[in-house]
Amino acid sequence: MTAIPNLPGKTGFTANLNINYRHPCIADQFLIAHSEVTSVEGRKAFVKATLKTVSGTLLADATALFVAPRVPVSQITEQLAQDKNAASNGTAVAAQA
């Protein structure tokens, strides 16, 4: 959720996610998660994150790239619904460029 408020339209998709597991995570313990946006470039938001134990042991670190869609999400979901409807009716839908 760190990246989304920084993207145009407040919507984004995960384009890349890299997680490095450093130590095993034991069940039934409190953990500290920290994430921050490292940069925003147009439709792209770059994020880094860490997961640590309360005593400070690094369990995992990660980097991610989130990208805002070129068109509004409402338009994407509308097109998906039309495609699904056309597929169930046995008609083909031409892709829009």
PDB file of N, CA and C in Angstrom:
ATOM      1  N   MET A   1       0.812  -1.196   0.000  1.00  0.00           N
ATOM      2  CA  MET A   1       0.000   0.000   0.000  1.00  0.00           C
ATOM      3  C   MET A   1       0.857   1.263   0.000  1.00  0.00           C
ATOM      4  N   THR A   2       2.131   1.132   0.202  1.00  0.00           N
ATOM      5  CA  THR A   2       3.007   2.296   0.250  1.00  0.00           C
ATOM      6  C   THR A   2       3.015   3.054  -1.068  1.00  0.00           C
ATOM      7  N   ALA A   3       3.046   2.345  -2.183  1.00  0.00           N
ATOM      8  CA  ALA A   3       3.208   2.981  -3.490  1.00  0.00           C
ATOM      9  C   ALA A   3       1.927   3.601  -4.024  1.00  0.00           C
ATOM     10  N   ILE A   4       0.784   2.991  -3.760  1.00  0.00           N
ATOM     11  CA  ILE A   4      -0.469   3.372  -4.411  1.00  0.00           C
ATOM     12  C   ILE A   4      -0.819   4.853  -4.246  1.00  0.00           C
ATOM     13  N   PRO A   5      -0.726   5.444  -3.054  1.00  0.00           N
ATOM     14  CA  PRO A   5      -1.062   6.868  -2.938  1.00  0.00           C
ATOM     15  C   PRO A   5      -0.169   7.787  -3.774  1.00  0.00           C
ATOM     16  N   ASN A   6       0.982   7.286  -4.199  1.00  0.00           N
ATOM     17  CA  ASN A   6       1.923   8.092  -4.977  1.00  0.00           C
ATOM     18  C   ASN A   6       1.737   7.954  -6.481  1.00  0.00           C
ATOM     19  N   LEU A   7       0.819   7.105  -6.906  1.00  0.00           N
ATOM     20  CA  LEU A   7       0.611   6.869  -8.337  1.00  0.00           C
ATOM     21  C   LEU A   7      -0.566   7.673  -8.865  1.00  0.00           C
ATOM     22  N   PRO A   8      -0.506   8.056 -10.150  1.00  0.00           N
ATOM     23  CA  PRO A   8      -1.647   8.739 -10.758  1.00  0.00           C
ATOM     24  C   PRO A   8      -2.877   7.838 -10.700  1.00  0.00           C
ATOM     25  N   GLY A   9      -4.009   8.391 -10.315  1.00  0.00           N
ATOM     26  CA  GLY A   9      -5.233   7.611 -10.239  1.00  0.00           C
ATOM     27  C   GLY A   9      -5.309   6.723  -9.014  1.00  0.00           C
ATOM     28  N   LYS A  10      -4.289   6.754  -8.165  1.00  0.00           N
ATOM     29  CA  LYS A  10      -4.249   5.960  -6.932  1.00  0.00           C
ATOM     30  C   LYS A  10      -4.490   4.472  -7.180  1.00  0.00           C
ATOM     31  N   THR A  11      -4.042   3.984  -8.340  1.00  0.00           N
ATOM     32  CA  THR A  11      -4.170   2.581  -8.716  1.00  0.00           C
ATOM     33  C   THR A  11      -2.863   2.133  -9.336  1.00  0.00           C
ATOM     34  N   GLY A  12      -2.452   0.906  -9.035  1.00  0.00           N
ATOM     35  CA  GLY A  12      -1.230   0.406  -9.637  1.00  0.00           C
ATOM     36  C   GLY A  12      -1.183  -1.102  -9.661  1.00  0.00           C
ATOM     37  N   PHE A  13      -0.324  -1.610 -10.511  1.00  0.00           N
ATOM     38  CA  PHE A  13      -0.110  -3.038 -10.652  1.00  0.00           C
ATOM     39  C   PHE A  13       1.343  -3.348 -10.296  1.00  0.00           C
ATOM     40  N   THR A  14       1.580  -4.522  -9.732  1.00  0.00           N
ATOM     41  CA  THR A  14       2.937  -4.941  -9.410  1.00  0.00           C
ATOM     42  C   THR A  14       3.641  -5.352 -10.695  1.00  0.00           C
ATOM     43  N   ALA A  15       4.667  -4.614 -11.070  1.00  0.00           N
ATOM     44  CA  ALA A  15       5.431  -4.928 -12.280  1.00  0.00           C
ATOM     45  C   ALA A  15       6.634  -5.807 -11.946  1.00  0.00           C
ATOM     46  N   ASN A  16       7.185  -5.625 -10.749  1.00  0.00           N
ATOM     47  CA  ASN A  16       8.352  -6.404 -10.333  1.00  0.00           C
ATOM     48  C   ASN A  16       8.353  -6.490  -8.818  1.00  0.00           C
ATOM     49  N   LEU A  17       8.687  -7.664  -8.297  1.00  0.00           N
ATOM     50  CA  LEU A  17       8.789  -7.860  -6.851  1.00  0.00           C
ATOM     51  C   LEU A  17       9.965  -8.788  -6.584  1.00  0.00           C
ATOM     52  N   ASN A  18      10.926  -8.304  -5.810  1.00  0.00           N
ATOM     53  CA  ASN A  18      12.117  -9.085  -5.484  1.00  0.00           C
ATOM     54  C   ASN A  18      12.221  -9.190  -3.969  1.00  0.00           C
ATOM     55  N   ILE A  19      12.152 -10.423  -3.440  1.00  0.00           N
ATOM     56  CA  ILE A  19      12.213 -10.649  -1.994  1.00  0.00           C
ATOM     57  C   ILE A  19      13.444 -11.489  -1.674  1.00  0.00           C
ATOM     58  N   ASN A  20      14.228 -11.021  -0.710  1.00  0.00           N
ATOM     59  CA  ASN A  20      15.385 -11.764  -0.212  1.00  0.00           C
ATOM     60  C   ASN A  20      15.056 -12.250   1.196  1.00  0.00           C
ATOM     61  N   TYR A  21      14.970 -13.568   1.361  1.00  0.00           N
ATOM     62  CA  TYR A  21      14.693 -14.158   2.669  1.00  0.00           C
ATOM     63  C   TYR A  21      16.023 -14.349   3.389  1.00  0.00           C
ATOM     64  N   ARG A  22      16.195 -13.686   4.528  1.00  0.00           N
ATOM     65  CA  ARG A  22      17.482 -13.673   5.228  1.00  0.00           C
ATOM     66  C   ARG A  22      17.550 -14.663   6.393  1.00  0.00           C
ATOM     67  N   HIS A  23      16.454 -14.791   7.145  1.00  0.00           N
ATOM     68  CA  HIS A  23      16.390 -15.703   8.294  1.00  0.00           C
ATOM     69  C   HIS A  23      14.991 -16.301   8.364  1.00  0.00           C
ATOM     70  N   PRO A  24      14.859 -17.471   9.009  1.00  0.00           N
ATOM     71  CA  PRO A  24      13.526 -18.067   9.170  1.00  0.00           C
ATOM     72  C   PRO A  24      12.641 -17.194  10.059  1.00  0.00           C
ATOM     73  N   CYS A  25      11.372 -17.212   9.778  1.00  0.00           N
ATOM     74  CA  CYS A  25      10.397 -16.462  10.565  1.00  0.00           C
ATOM     75  C   CYS A  25       9.657 -17.452  11.464  1.00  0.00           C
ATOM     76  N   ILE A  26       9.726 -17.245  12.757  1.00  0.00           N
ATOM     77  CA  ILE A  26       9.095 -18.126  13.733  1.00  0.00           C
ATOM     78  C   ILE A  26       7.644 -17.678  13.942  1.00  0.00           C
ATOM     79  N   ALA A  27       6.734 -18.649  14.062  1.00  0.00           N
ATOM     80  CA  ALA A  27       5.322 -18.332  14.313  1.00  0.00           C
ATOM     81  C   ALA A  27       5.152 -17.741  15.712  1.00  0.00           C
ATOM     82  N   ASP A  28       4.051 -17.054  15.922  1.00  0.00           N
ATOM     83  CA  ASP A  28       3.681 -16.475  17.223  1.00  0.00           C
ATOM     84  C   ASP A  28       4.701 -15.476  17.764  1.00  0.00           C
ATOM     85  N   GLN A  29       5.134 -14.563  16.923  1.00  0.00           N
ATOM     86  CA  GLN A  29       5.999 -13.486  17.391  1.00  0.00           C
ATOM     87  C   GLN A  29       5.575 -12.187  16.713  1.00  0.00           C
ATOM     88  N   PHE A  30       5.855 -11.089  17.356  1.00  0.00           N
ATOM     89  CA  PHE A  30       5.592  -9.789  16.763  1.00  0.00           C
ATOM     90  C   PHE A  30       6.700  -9.476  15.769  1.00  0.00           C
ATOM     91  N   LEU A  31       6.328  -8.845  14.658  1.00  0.00           N
ATOM     92  CA  LEU A  31       7.289  -8.457  13.631  1.00  0.00           C
ATOM     93  C   LEU A  31       7.118  -6.988  13.309  1.00  0.00           C
ATOM     94  N   ILE A  32       8.170  -6.395  12.787  1.00  0.00           N
ATOM     95  CA  ILE A  32       8.132  -4.990  12.388  1.00  0.00           C
ATOM     96  C   ILE A  32       8.356  -4.918  10.884  1.00  0.00           C
ATOM     97  N   ALA A  33       7.363  -4.412  10.176  1.00  0.00           N
ATOM     98  CA  ALA A  33       7.462  -4.231   8.730  1.00  0.00           C
ATOM     99  C   ALA A  33       7.628  -2.744   8.446  1.00  0.00           C
ATOM    100  N   HIS A  34       8.563  -2.429   7.592  1.00  0.00           N
ATOM    101  CA  HIS A  34       8.806  -1.032   7.210  1.00  0.00           C
ATOM    102  C   HIS A  34       8.908  -0.963   5.691  1.00  0.00           C
ATOM    103  N   SER A  35       8.195  -0.011   5.105  1.00  0.00           N
ATOM    104  CA  SER A  35       8.302   0.181   3.653  1.00  0.00           C
ATOM    105  C   SER A  35       8.345   1.667   3.354  1.00  0.00           C
ATOM    106  N   GLU A  36       8.995   1.993   2.247  1.00  0.00           N
ATOM    107  CA  GLU A  36       9.063   3.394   1.833  1.00  0.00           C
ATOM    108  C   GLU A  36       9.208   3.485   0.322  1.00  0.00           C
ATOM    109  N   VAL A  37       8.651   4.546  -0.211  1.00  0.00           N
ATOM    110  CA  VAL A  37       8.796   4.829  -1.633  1.00  0.00           C
ATOM    111  C   VAL A  37      10.164   5.465  -1.825  1.00  0.00           C
ATOM    112  N   THR A  38      10.984   4.876  -2.693  1.00  0.00           N
ATOM    113  CA  THR A  38      12.320   5.425  -2.922  1.00  0.00           C
ATOM    114  C   THR A  38      12.324   6.449  -4.047  1.00  0.00           C
ATOM    115  N   SER A  39      11.421   6.277  -5.030  1.00  0.00           N
ATOM    116  CA  SER A  39      11.290   7.283  -6.084  1.00  0.00           C
ATOM    117  C   SER A  39       9.999   7.060  -6.857  1.00  0.00           C
ATOM    118  N   VAL A  40       9.543   8.132  -7.478  1.00  0.00           N
ATOM    119  CA  VAL A  40       8.369   8.093  -8.354  1.00  0.00           C
ATOM    120  C   VAL A  40       8.779   8.745  -9.659  1.00  0.00           C
ATOM    121  N   GLU A  41       8.566   8.018 -10.759  1.00  0.00           N
ATOM    122  CA  GLU A  41       8.909   8.523 -12.093  1.00  0.00           C
ATOM    123  C   GLU A  41       7.700   8.339 -12.998  1.00  0.00           C
ATOM    124  N   GLY A  42       6.905   9.383 -13.131  1.00  0.00           N
ATOM    125  CA  GLY A  42       5.706   9.290 -13.963  1.00  0.00           C
ATOM    126  C   GLY A  42       4.723   8.279 -13.409  1.00  0.00           C
ATOM    127  N   ARG A  43       4.473   7.206 -14.173  1.00  0.00           N
ATOM    128  CA  ARG A  43       3.528   6.169 -13.754  1.00  0.00           C
ATOM    129  C   ARG A  43       4.181   5.089 -12.897  1.00  0.00           C
ATOM    130  N   LYS A  44       5.460   5.214 -12.587  1.00  0.00           N
ATOM    131  CA  LYS A  44       6.191   4.183 -11.846  1.00  0.00           C
ATOM    132  C   LYS A  44       6.501   4.645 -10.419  1.00  0.00           C
ATOM    133  N   ALA A  45       6.318   3.723  -9.471  1.00  0.00           N
ATOM    134  CA  ALA A  45       6.710   3.980  -8.080  1.00  0.00           C
ATOM    135  C   ALA A  45       7.621   2.842  -7.633  1.00  0.00           C
ATOM    136  N   PHE A  46       8.793   3.199  -7.140  1.00  0.00           N
ATOM    137  CA  PHE A  46       9.775   2.228  -6.663  1.00  0.00           C
ATOM    138  C   PHE A  46       9.717   2.188  -5.136  1.00  0.00           C
ATOM    139  N   VAL A  47       9.683   0.974  -4.580  1.00  0.00           N
ATOM    140  CA  VAL A  47       9.508   0.796  -3.143  1.00  0.00           C
ATOM    141  C   VAL A  47      10.573  -0.161  -2.611  1.00  0.00           C
ATOM    142  N   LYS A  48      10.999   0.074  -1.361  1.00  0.00           N
ATOM    143  CA  LYS A  48      11.850  -0.902  -0.681  1.00  0.00           C
ATOM    144  C   LYS A  48      11.201  -1.193   0.669  1.00  0.00           C
ATOM    145  N   ALA A  49      11.448  -2.398   1.188  1.00  0.00           N
ATOM    146  CA  ALA A  49      10.812  -2.804   2.436  1.00  0.00           C
ATOM    147  C   ALA A  49      11.709  -3.758   3.210  1.00  0.00           C
ATOM    148  N   THR A  50      11.483  -3.804   4.527  1.00  0.00           N
ATOM    149  CA  THR A  50      12.180  -4.758   5.385  1.00  0.00           C
ATOM    150  C   THR A  50      11.179  -5.384   6.354  1.00  0.00           C
ATOM    151  N   LEU A  51      11.504  -6.581   6.797  1.00  0.00           N
ATOM    152  CA  LEU A  51      10.739  -7.273   7.833  1.00  0.00           C
ATOM    153  C   LEU A  51      11.740  -7.714   8.892  1.00  0.00           C
ATOM    154  N   LYS A  52      11.533  -7.243  10.133  1.00  0.00           N
ATOM    155  CA  LYS A  52      12.471  -7.530  11.223  1.00  0.00           C
ATOM    156  C   LYS A  52      11.739  -8.055  12.445  1.00  0.00           C
ATOM    157  N   THR A  53      12.497  -8.745  13.298  1.00  0.00           N
ATOM    158  CA  THR A  53      11.965  -9.131  14.603  1.00  0.00           C
ATOM    159  C   THR A  53      12.018  -7.907  15.508  1.00  0.00           C
ATOM    160  N   VAL A  54      11.353  -7.997  16.650  1.00  0.00           N
ATOM    161  CA  VAL A  54      11.383  -6.890  17.606  1.00  0.00           C
ATOM    162  C   VAL A  54      12.808  -6.630  18.086  1.00  0.00           C
ATOM    163  N   SER A  55      13.619  -7.678  18.152  1.00  0.00           N
ATOM    164  CA  SER A  55      15.015  -7.507  18.594  1.00  0.00           C
ATOM    165  C   SER A  55      15.920  -6.971  17.486  1.00  0.00           C
ATOM    166  N   GLY A  56      15.378  -6.819  16.260  1.00  0.00           N
ATOM    167  CA  GLY A  56      16.139  -6.204  15.179  1.00  0.00           C
ATOM    168  C   GLY A  56      16.724  -7.149  14.149  1.00  0.00           C
ATOM    169  N   THR A  57      16.482  -8.445  14.269  1.00  0.00           N
ATOM    170  CA  THR A  57      16.998  -9.394  13.279  1.00  0.00           C
ATOM    171  C   THR A  57      16.264  -9.212  11.955  1.00  0.00           C
ATOM    172  N   LEU A  58      17.026  -9.013  10.900  1.00  0.00           N
ATOM    173  CA  LEU A  58      16.436  -8.847   9.570  1.00  0.00           C
ATOM    174  C   LEU A  58      15.992 -10.208   9.042  1.00  0.00           C
ATOM    175  N   LEU A  59      14.690 -10.355   8.808  1.00  0.00           N
ATOM    176  CA  LEU A  59      14.145 -11.609   8.287  1.00  0.00           C
ATOM    177  C   LEU A  59      14.053 -11.594   6.769  1.00  0.00           C
ATOM    178  N   ALA A  60      13.697 -10.439   6.212  1.00  0.00           N
ATOM    179  CA  ALA A  60      13.566 -10.326   4.758  1.00  0.00           C
ATOM    180  C   ALA A  60      13.673  -8.870   4.348  1.00  0.00           C
ATOM    181  N   ASP A  61      14.150  -8.657   3.134  1.00  0.00           N
ATOM    182  CA  ASP A  61      14.117  -7.320   2.542  1.00  0.00           C
ATOM    183  C   ASP A  61      13.608  -7.467   1.116  1.00  0.00           C
ATOM    184  N   ALA A  62      13.047  -6.396   0.602  1.00  0.00           N
ATOM    185  CA  ALA A  62      12.418  -6.483  -0.717  1.00  0.00           C
ATOM    186  C   ALA A  62      12.500  -5.159  -1.455  1.00  0.00           C
ATOM    187  N   THR A  63      12.422  -5.256  -2.761  1.00  0.00           N
ATOM    188  CA  THR A  63      12.249  -4.087  -3.622  1.00  0.00           C
ATOM    189  C   THR A  63      11.096  -4.396  -4.562  1.00  0.00           C
ATOM    190  N   ALA A  64      10.402  -3.357  -4.983  1.00  0.00           N
ATOM    191  CA  ALA A  64       9.259  -3.558  -5.869  1.00  0.00           C
ATOM    192  C   ALA A  64       9.089  -2.362  -6.791  1.00  0.00           C
ATOM    193  N   LEU A  65       8.469  -2.638  -7.921  1.00  0.00           N
ATOM    194  CA  LEU A  65       8.102  -1.599  -8.880  1.00  0.00           C
ATOM    195  C   LEU A  65       6.612  -1.724  -9.123  1.00  0.00           C
ATOM    196  N   PHE A  66       5.883  -0.632  -8.898  1.00  0.00           N
ATOM    197  CA  PHE A  66       4.452  -0.581  -9.161  1.00  0.00           C
ATOM    198  C   PHE A  66       4.214   0.410 -10.292  1.00  0.00           C
ATOM    199  N   VAL A  67       3.303   0.062 -11.199  1.00  0.00           N
ATOM    200  CA  VAL A  67       3.032   0.899 -12.365  1.00  0.00           C
ATOM    201  C   VAL A  67       1.543   1.214 -12.432  1.00  0.00           C
ATOM    202  N   ALA A  68       1.233   2.487 -12.623  1.00  0.00           N
ATOM    203  CA  ALA A  68      -0.162   2.902 -12.806  1.00  0.00           C
ATOM    204  C   ALA A  68      -0.593   2.570 -14.230  1.00  0.00           C
ATOM    205  N   PRO A  69      -1.840   2.139 -14.409  1.00  0.00           N
ATOM    206  CA  PRO A  69      -2.309   1.837 -15.766  1.00  0.00           C
ATOM    207  C   PRO A  69      -2.396   3.103 -16.611  1.00  0.00           C
ATOM    208  N   ARG A  70      -2.270   2.920 -17.927  1.00  0.00           N
ATOM    209  CA  ARG A  70      -2.364   4.062 -18.841  1.00  0.00           C
ATOM    210  C   ARG A  70      -3.789   4.588 -18.946  1.00  0.00           C
ATOM    211  N   VAL A  71      -4.755   3.691 -18.742  1.00  0.00           N
ATOM    212  CA  VAL A  71      -6.172   4.070 -18.820  1.00  0.00           C
ATOM    213  C   VAL A  71      -6.805   3.857 -17.448  1.00  0.00           C
ATOM    214  N   PRO A  72      -7.914   4.533 -17.153  1.00  0.00           N
ATOM    215  CA  PRO A  72      -8.567   4.349 -15.853  1.00  0.00           C
ATOM    216  C   PRO A  72      -8.989   2.893 -15.634  1.00  0.00           C
ATOM    217  N   VAL A  73      -8.932   2.449 -14.389  1.00  0.00           N
ATOM    218  CA  VAL A  73      -9.292   1.075 -14.054  1.00  0.00           C
ATOM    219  C   VAL A  73     -10.726   0.772 -14.459  1.00  0.00           C
ATOM    220  N   SER A  74     -11.613   1.751 -14.340  1.00  0.00           N
ATOM    221  CA  SER A  74     -13.009   1.527 -14.731  1.00  0.00           C
ATOM    222  C   SER A  74     -13.105   1.127 -16.200  1.00  0.00           C
ATOM    223  N   GLN A  75     -12.268   1.709 -17.033  1.00  0.00           N
ATOM    224  CA  GLN A  75     -12.261   1.370 -18.457  1.00  0.00           C
ATOM    225  C   GLN A  75     -11.724  -0.051 -18.669  1.00  0.00           C
ATOM    226  N   ILE A  76     -10.729  -0.446 -17.893  1.00  0.00           N
ATOM    227  CA  ILE A  76     -10.166  -1.793 -17.995  1.00  0.00           C
ATOM    228  C   ILE A  76     -11.206  -2.829 -17.590  1.00  0.00           C
ATOM    229  N   THR A  77     -11.868  -2.617 -16.443  1.00  0.00           N
ATOM    230  CA  THR A  77     -12.861  -3.585 -15.972  1.00  0.00           C
ATOM    231  C   THR A  77     -14.055  -3.653 -16.914  1.00  0.00           C
ATOM    232  N   GLU A  78     -14.428  -2.524 -17.487  1.00  0.00           N
ATOM    233  CA  GLU A  78     -15.525  -2.503 -18.462  1.00  0.00           C
ATOM    234  C   GLU A  78     -15.156  -3.330 -19.691  1.00  0.00           C
ATOM    235  N   GLN A  79     -13.929  -3.188 -20.174  1.00  0.00           N
ATOM    236  CA  GLN A  79     -13.477  -3.949 -21.341  1.00  0.00           C
ATOM    237  C   GLN A  79     -13.417  -5.440 -21.020  1.00  0.00           C
ATOM    238  N   LEU A  80     -12.955  -5.787 -19.823  1.00  0.00           N
ATOM    239  CA  LEU A  80     -12.907  -7.196 -19.420  1.00  0.00           C
ATOM    240  C   LEU A  80     -14.305  -7.800 -19.377  1.00  0.00           C
ATOM    241  N   ALA A  81     -15.267  -7.042 -18.869  1.00  0.00           N
ATOM    242  CA  ALA A  81     -16.652  -7.520 -18.816  1.00  0.00           C
ATOM    243  C   ALA A  81     -17.200  -7.728 -20.222  1.00  0.00           C
ATOM    244  N   GLN A  82     -16.900  -6.812 -21.134  1.00  0.00           N
ATOM    245  CA  GLN A  82     -17.352  -6.948 -22.523  1.00  0.00           C
ATOM    246  C   GLN A  82     -16.714  -8.171 -23.175  1.00  0.00           C
ATOM    247  N   ASP A  83     -15.422  -8.382 -22.931  1.00  0.00           N
ATOM    248  CA  ASP A  83     -14.725  -9.539 -23.497  1.00  0.00           C
ATOM    249  C   ASP A  83     -15.309 -10.844 -22.964  1.00  0.00           C
ATOM    250  N   LYS A  84     -15.602 -10.878 -21.667  1.00  0.00           N
ATOM    251  CA  LYS A  84     -16.177 -12.080 -21.054  1.00  0.00           C
ATOM    252  C   LYS A  84     -17.556 -12.356 -21.635  1.00  0.00           C
ATOM    253  N   ASN A  85     -18.339 -11.310 -21.803  1.00  0.00           N
ATOM    254  CA  ASN A  85     -19.679 -11.430 -22.374  1.00  0.00           C
ATOM    255  C   ASN A  85     -19.602 -11.949 -23.802  1.00  0.00           C
ATOM    256  N   ALA A  86     -18.679 -11.405 -24.575  1.00  0.00           N
ATOM    257  CA  ALA A  86     -18.517 -11.826 -25.967  1.00  0.00           C
ATOM    258  C   ALA A  86     -18.061 -13.279 -26.042  1.00  0.00           C
ATOM    259  N   ALA A  87     -17.176 -13.680 -25.133  1.00  0.00           N
ATOM    260  CA  ALA A  87     -16.688 -15.059 -25.126  1.00  0.00           C
ATOM    261  C   ALA A  87     -17.806 -16.036 -24.788  1.00  0.00           C
ATOM    262  N   SER A  88     -18.669 -15.650 -23.852  1.00  0.00           N
ATOM    263  CA  SER A  88     -19.774 -16.539 -23.478  1.00  0.00           C
ATOM    264  C   SER A  88     -20.830 -16.615 -24.577  1.00  0.00           C
ATOM    265  N   ASN A  89     -20.899 -15.585 -25.429  1.00  0.00           N
ATOM    266  CA  ASN A  89     -21.833 -15.580 -26.557  1.00  0.00           C
ATOM    267  C   ASN A  89     -21.217 -16.196 -27.811  1.00  0.00           C
ATOM    268  N   GLY A  90     -19.924 -16.529 -27.742  1.00  0.00           N
ATOM    269  CA  GLY A  90     -19.249 -17.137 -28.881  1.00  0.00           C
ATOM    270  C   GLY A  90     -18.848 -16.159 -29.962  1.00  0.00           C
ATOM    271  N   THR A  91     -18.781 -14.876 -29.622  1.00  0.00           N
ATOM    272  CA  THR A  91     -18.349 -13.878 -30.601  1.00  0.00           C
ATOM    273  C   THR A  91     -16.980 -13.351 -30.216  1.00  0.00           C
ATOM    274  N   ALA A  92     -16.184 -13.034 -31.203  1.00  0.00           N
ATOM    275  CA  ALA A  92     -14.834 -12.517 -30.959  1.00  0.00           C
ATOM    276  C   ALA A  92     -14.879 -11.009 -30.809  1.00  0.00           C
ATOM    277  N   VAL A  93     -13.984 -10.494 -29.992  1.00  0.00           N
ATOM    278  CA  VAL A  93     -13.861  -9.050 -29.802  1.00  0.00           C
ATOM    279  C   VAL A  93     -12.489  -8.637 -30.299  1.00  0.00           C
ATOM    280  N   ALA A  94     -12.445  -7.644 -31.168  1.00  0.00           N
ATOM    281  CA  ALA A  94     -11.166  -7.161 -31.695  1.00  0.00           C
ATOM    282  C   ALA A  94     -10.454  -6.355 -30.618  1.00  0.00           C
ATOM    283  N   ALA A  95      -9.161  -6.552 -30.498  1.00  0.00           N
ATOM    284  CA  ALA A  95      -8.358  -5.804 -29.529  1.00  0.00           C
ATOM    285  C   ALA A  95      -8.242  -4.359 -29.964  1.00  0.00           C
ATOM    286  N   GLN A  96      -8.359  -3.464 -28.987  1.00  0.00           N
ATOM    287  CA  GLN A  96      -8.220  -2.040 -29.278  1.00  0.00           C
ATOM    288  C   GLN A  96      -6.773  -1.635 -29.076  1.00  0.00           C
ATOM    289  N   ALA A  97      -6.248  -0.860 -30.014  1.00  0.00           N
ATOM    290  CA  ALA A  97      -4.851  -0.428 -29.924  1.00  0.00           C
ATOM    291  C   ALA A  97      -4.740   0.798 -29.076  1.00  0.00           C
TER     292      ALA A  97
END
